[in-house]
Amino acid sequence: MTTEPQRSRAVFSTEDFGLMKEAVANYVKQIADDPRSSKFSNLYHRLGRLG
């Protein structure tokens, strides 16, 4: 008897990605003068491709 590995389950829903994208967009506005803002801006765009 062989057992197949269990199928992995998604951690986030499509709606979750939209919520995270909105939160990151607001945070980017708050830290606009911070050098890290470009990293969060990139994250925002990656989330957009996922959700």
N, C-alpha and C. Protein backbone atom coordinates (compact mmCIF):
# COMPACT_ATOMS: atom_id res chain seq x y z
N MET A 1 0.85 -1.18 0.00
CA MET A 1 0.00 0.00 0.00
C MET A 1 0.90 1.24 0.00
N THR A 2 0.75 2.07 -1.01
CA THR A 2 1.53 3.31 -1.07
C THR A 2 0.63 4.48 -0.73
N THR A 3 1.18 5.41 -0.01
CA THR A 3 0.41 6.60 0.33
C THR A 3 1.02 7.80 -0.39
N GLU A 4 0.17 8.61 -0.92
CA GLU A 4 0.62 9.82 -1.60
C GLU A 4 0.74 10.94 -0.58
N PRO A 5 1.69 11.84 -0.80
CA PRO A 5 1.79 12.97 0.13
C PRO A 5 0.54 13.83 0.07
N GLN A 6 0.20 14.41 1.19
CA GLN A 6 -0.99 15.26 1.23
C GLN A 6 -0.76 16.51 0.39
N ARG A 7 -1.80 16.95 -0.23
CA ARG A 7 -1.76 18.16 -1.04
C ARG A 7 -1.63 19.36 -0.11
N SER A 8 -0.73 20.29 -0.46
CA SER A 8 -0.57 21.46 0.39
C SER A 8 -1.76 22.39 0.24
N ARG A 9 -2.05 23.10 1.27
CA ARG A 9 -3.19 24.01 1.28
C ARG A 9 -2.69 25.44 1.21
N ALA A 10 -3.46 26.28 0.56
CA ALA A 10 -3.11 27.69 0.45
C ALA A 10 -3.19 28.34 1.83
N VAL A 11 -2.25 29.18 2.11
CA VAL A 11 -2.23 29.88 3.39
C VAL A 11 -3.10 31.14 3.32
N PHE A 12 -3.04 31.84 2.19
CA PHE A 12 -3.78 33.08 2.02
C PHE A 12 -4.81 32.93 0.91
N SER A 13 -5.93 33.61 1.07
CA SER A 13 -6.94 33.63 0.02
C SER A 13 -6.68 34.82 -0.91
N THR A 14 -7.37 34.84 -2.03
CA THR A 14 -7.26 35.97 -2.95
C THR A 14 -7.65 37.26 -2.26
N GLU A 15 -8.66 37.20 -1.43
CA GLU A 15 -9.10 38.39 -0.69
C GLU A 15 -8.01 38.87 0.27
N ASP A 16 -7.28 37.94 0.87
CA ASP A 16 -6.18 38.31 1.77
C ASP A 16 -5.12 39.13 1.05
N PHE A 17 -4.79 38.74 -0.19
CA PHE A 17 -3.78 39.49 -0.93
C PHE A 17 -4.24 40.92 -1.19
N GLY A 18 -5.52 41.10 -1.47
CA GLY A 18 -6.05 42.45 -1.65
C GLY A 18 -5.94 43.28 -0.39
N LEU A 19 -6.24 42.65 0.75
CA LEU A 19 -6.14 43.37 2.03
C LEU A 19 -4.69 43.72 2.35
N MET A 20 -3.78 42.79 2.11
CA MET A 20 -2.36 43.06 2.37
C MET A 20 -1.84 44.16 1.44
N LYS A 21 -2.29 44.13 0.19
CA LYS A 21 -1.86 45.16 -0.76
C LYS A 21 -2.33 46.54 -0.29
N GLU A 22 -3.56 46.62 0.18
CA GLU A 22 -4.10 47.89 0.68
C GLU A 22 -3.31 48.37 1.90
N ALA A 23 -2.99 47.46 2.81
CA ALA A 23 -2.23 47.82 4.00
C ALA A 23 -0.82 48.30 3.64
N VAL A 24 -0.18 47.60 2.72
CA VAL A 24 1.17 48.00 2.31
C VAL A 24 1.13 49.36 1.62
N ALA A 25 0.12 49.60 0.79
CA ALA A 25 -0.01 50.90 0.10
C ALA A 25 -0.12 52.04 1.11
N ASN A 26 -0.91 51.84 2.15
CA ASN A 26 -1.03 52.88 3.18
C ASN A 26 0.28 53.07 3.93
N TYR A 27 0.99 51.99 4.19
CA TYR A 27 2.27 52.08 4.90
C TYR A 27 3.32 52.79 4.05
N VAL A 28 3.32 52.53 2.74
CA VAL A 28 4.27 53.20 1.85
C VAL A 28 4.06 54.71 1.91
N LYS A 29 2.82 55.15 1.98
CA LYS A 29 2.53 56.59 2.08
C LYS A 29 3.07 57.16 3.38
N GLN A 30 2.98 56.39 4.47
CA GLN A 30 3.42 56.86 5.78
C GLN A 30 4.94 56.98 5.86
N ILE A 31 5.66 56.11 5.16
CA ILE A 31 7.12 56.11 5.26
C ILE A 31 7.78 56.58 3.96
N ALA A 32 7.12 57.46 3.24
CA ALA A 32 7.59 57.89 1.92
C ALA A 32 9.03 58.40 1.94
N ASP A 33 9.46 59.02 3.02
CA ASP A 33 10.81 59.58 3.09
C ASP A 33 11.85 58.56 3.57
N ASP A 34 11.41 57.39 3.95
CA ASP A 34 12.30 56.34 4.45
C ASP A 34 12.89 55.57 3.26
N PRO A 35 14.19 55.29 3.29
CA PRO A 35 14.79 54.53 2.18
C PRO A 35 14.14 53.15 1.98
N ARG A 36 13.55 52.59 3.01
CA ARG A 36 12.90 51.28 2.89
C ARG A 36 11.60 51.34 2.10
N SER A 37 11.09 52.53 1.83
CA SER A 37 9.81 52.64 1.13
C SER A 37 9.85 51.98 -0.24
N SER A 38 11.00 51.97 -0.90
CA SER A 38 11.08 51.33 -2.22
C SER A 38 10.91 49.81 -2.09
N LYS A 39 11.40 49.23 -1.00
CA LYS A 39 11.22 47.79 -0.79
C LYS A 39 9.75 47.45 -0.57
N PHE A 40 9.05 48.31 0.18
CA PHE A 40 7.62 48.08 0.40
C PHE A 40 6.82 48.34 -0.88
N SER A 41 7.27 49.28 -1.68
CA SER A 41 6.62 49.53 -2.96
C SER A 41 6.75 48.31 -3.87
N ASN A 42 7.92 47.69 -3.87
CA ASN A 42 8.11 46.47 -4.66
C ASN A 42 7.21 45.34 -4.15
N LEU A 43 7.07 45.24 -2.83
CA LEU A 43 6.18 44.25 -2.24
C LEU A 43 4.74 44.49 -2.69
N TYR A 44 4.33 45.75 -2.70
CA TYR A 44 2.99 46.13 -3.14
C TYR A 44 2.73 45.59 -4.56
N HIS A 45 3.69 45.78 -5.44
CA HIS A 45 3.50 45.34 -6.82
C HIS A 45 3.52 43.81 -6.94
N ARG A 46 4.33 43.15 -6.15
CA ARG A 46 4.33 41.67 -6.16
C ARG A 46 2.99 41.14 -5.66
N LEU A 47 2.44 41.76 -4.64
CA LEU A 47 1.13 41.33 -4.13
C LEU A 47 0.06 41.51 -5.19
N GLY A 48 0.19 42.55 -5.99
CA GLY A 48 -0.77 42.78 -7.06
C GLY A 48 -0.76 41.68 -8.11
N ARG A 49 0.40 41.11 -8.35
CA ARG A 49 0.49 40.02 -9.32
C ARG A 49 -0.11 38.74 -8.78
N LEU A 50 -0.09 38.59 -7.46
CA LEU A 50 -0.61 37.36 -6.85
C LEU A 50 -2.11 37.37 -6.68
N GLY A 51 -2.66 38.51 -6.35
CA GLY A 51 -4.07 38.56 -5.99
C GLY A 51 -4.97 39.04 -7.01
